Protein backbone atom coordinates (compact mmCIF):
# COMPACT_ATOMS: atom_id res chain seq x y z
CA UNK A 1 98.44 104.35 94.69
CA UNK A 2 100.07 104.12 98.48
CA UNK A 3 100.82 102.01 101.27
CA UNK A 4 98.12 102.47 104.33
CA UNK A 5 98.06 100.50 107.77
CA UNK A 6 94.22 99.40 107.27
CA UNK A 7 93.42 98.70 110.75
CA UNK A 8 95.12 100.02 114.28
CA UNK A 9 97.79 102.00 114.19
CA UNK A 10 101.79 101.45 113.05
CA UNK A 11 104.50 100.07 115.25
CA UNK A 12 107.85 99.75 114.79
CA UNK A 13 107.95 96.45 112.99
CA UNK A 14 105.23 97.82 110.82
CA UNK A 15 107.06 100.87 110.01
CA UNK A 16 110.14 98.64 108.74
CA UNK A 17 107.90 96.68 106.59
CA UNK A 18 106.52 99.61 105.27
CA UNK A 19 109.93 101.11 104.41
CA UNK A 20 110.77 97.86 102.38
CA UNK A 21 107.64 97.97 100.61
CA UNK A 22 107.96 101.23 99.73
CA UNK A 23 110.68 100.16 97.35
CA UNK A 24 108.38 97.91 95.77
CA UNK A 25 105.93 100.93 95.22
CA UNK A 26 108.60 102.85 93.39
CA UNK A 27 108.94 99.85 91.10
CA UNK A 28 105.19 99.25 90.97
CA UNK A 29 103.75 102.77 91.43
CA UNK A 30 100.16 101.60 90.59
CA UNK A 31 100.11 99.25 93.04
CA UNK A 32 98.25 99.28 96.52
CA UNK A 33 99.57 98.20 99.57
CA UNK A 34 97.56 97.78 102.72
CA UNK A 35 98.81 96.23 106.05
CA UNK A 36 97.82 95.77 109.92
CA UNK A 37 98.51 93.92 112.91
CA UNK A 38 96.69 91.29 113.42
CA UNK A 39 97.78 90.49 116.95
CA UNK A 40 101.08 90.62 119.23
CA UNK A 41 102.94 88.46 116.64
CA UNK A 42 101.14 88.57 113.45
CA UNK A 43 101.33 91.22 110.37
CA UNK A 44 99.02 90.80 107.35
CA UNK A 45 100.04 92.41 104.26
CA UNK A 46 98.01 92.50 101.14
CA UNK A 47 99.24 93.97 97.57
CA UNK A 48 96.99 94.81 94.98
CA UNK A 49 99.00 95.16 91.80
CA UNK A 50 97.88 94.78 88.07
CA UNK A 51 101.66 93.63 87.24
CA UNK A 52 100.76 90.43 88.97
CA UNK A 53 98.75 89.66 85.87
CA UNK A 54 99.86 86.38 84.43
CA UNK A 55 102.47 85.48 87.44
CA UNK A 56 101.83 82.26 89.18
CA UNK A 57 101.27 82.74 92.73
CA UNK A 58 104.79 81.21 93.27
CA UNK A 59 106.33 83.91 91.16
CA UNK A 60 104.40 86.76 92.50
CA UNK A 61 105.52 85.56 96.19
CA UNK A 62 109.31 85.44 94.83
CA UNK A 63 108.95 89.19 93.27
CA UNK A 64 107.77 90.82 96.65
CA UNK A 65 110.04 88.72 98.93
CA UNK A 66 113.05 90.62 96.81
CA UNK A 67 111.91 93.31 98.65
CA UNK A 68 111.02 92.03 102.23
CA UNK A 69 114.47 90.16 102.21
CA UNK A 70 115.94 93.54 103.50
CA UNK A 71 113.77 92.94 107.03
CA UNK A 72 115.83 91.02 109.81
CA UNK A 73 114.43 87.44 110.41
CA UNK A 74 112.46 88.29 113.34
CA UNK A 75 110.24 91.27 111.52
CA UNK A 76 109.77 88.82 108.30
CA UNK A 77 108.67 86.04 110.97
CA UNK A 78 105.93 88.58 112.03
CA UNK A 79 104.54 88.53 108.62
CA UNK A 80 101.83 85.87 108.88
CA UNK A 81 99.86 86.60 105.65
CA UNK A 82 101.04 87.98 101.96
CA UNK A 83 98.08 88.31 100.15
CA UNK A 84 99.11 89.18 96.19
CA UNK A 85 96.50 89.80 93.89
CA UNK A 86 95.46 91.76 90.84
CA UNK A 87 92.28 94.34 91.05
CA UNK A 88 90.36 91.48 88.88
CA UNK A 89 91.05 89.14 91.65
CA UNK A 90 90.13 91.08 94.48
CA UNK A 91 86.20 90.48 94.32
CA UNK A 92 86.57 86.50 94.35
CA UNK A 93 89.43 85.89 96.96
CA UNK A 94 88.29 84.64 100.17
CA UNK A 95 91.98 86.15 101.58
CA UNK A 96 90.93 89.27 100.32
CA UNK A 97 87.34 89.14 102.07
CA UNK A 98 89.28 87.72 105.51
CA UNK A 99 91.84 90.91 105.14
CA UNK A 100 89.21 93.51 104.76
CA UNK A 101 86.88 91.55 107.59
CA UNK A 102 89.11 89.97 110.06
CA UNK A 103 88.28 87.41 112.41
CA UNK A 104 89.23 88.67 115.84
CA UNK A 105 92.55 87.40 117.01
CA UNK A 106 92.54 85.53 120.50
CA UNK A 107 96.25 86.51 121.10
């Protein structure tokens, strides 16, 4: 599907996160990846992928962090939210709702 910055514009950290997530997308071409900067110290990432079906939340996280481990610790620390859903889970997920309709940050 692709990778999209869903709010605002990309900065250098977001670009490096996108580079890491491109490798995930190469291995999971049906995935839909979105990310945006919530505030000066926070990037939110959402991956919607049918490959997550039957995988626990912890297993999903381990799978995705294998790709994000290539980032520096500073870049990794900017990721404040990593939302990993199957397409069927998006309608019921509060995290997905918040990703799509974020509460404005005070920072």
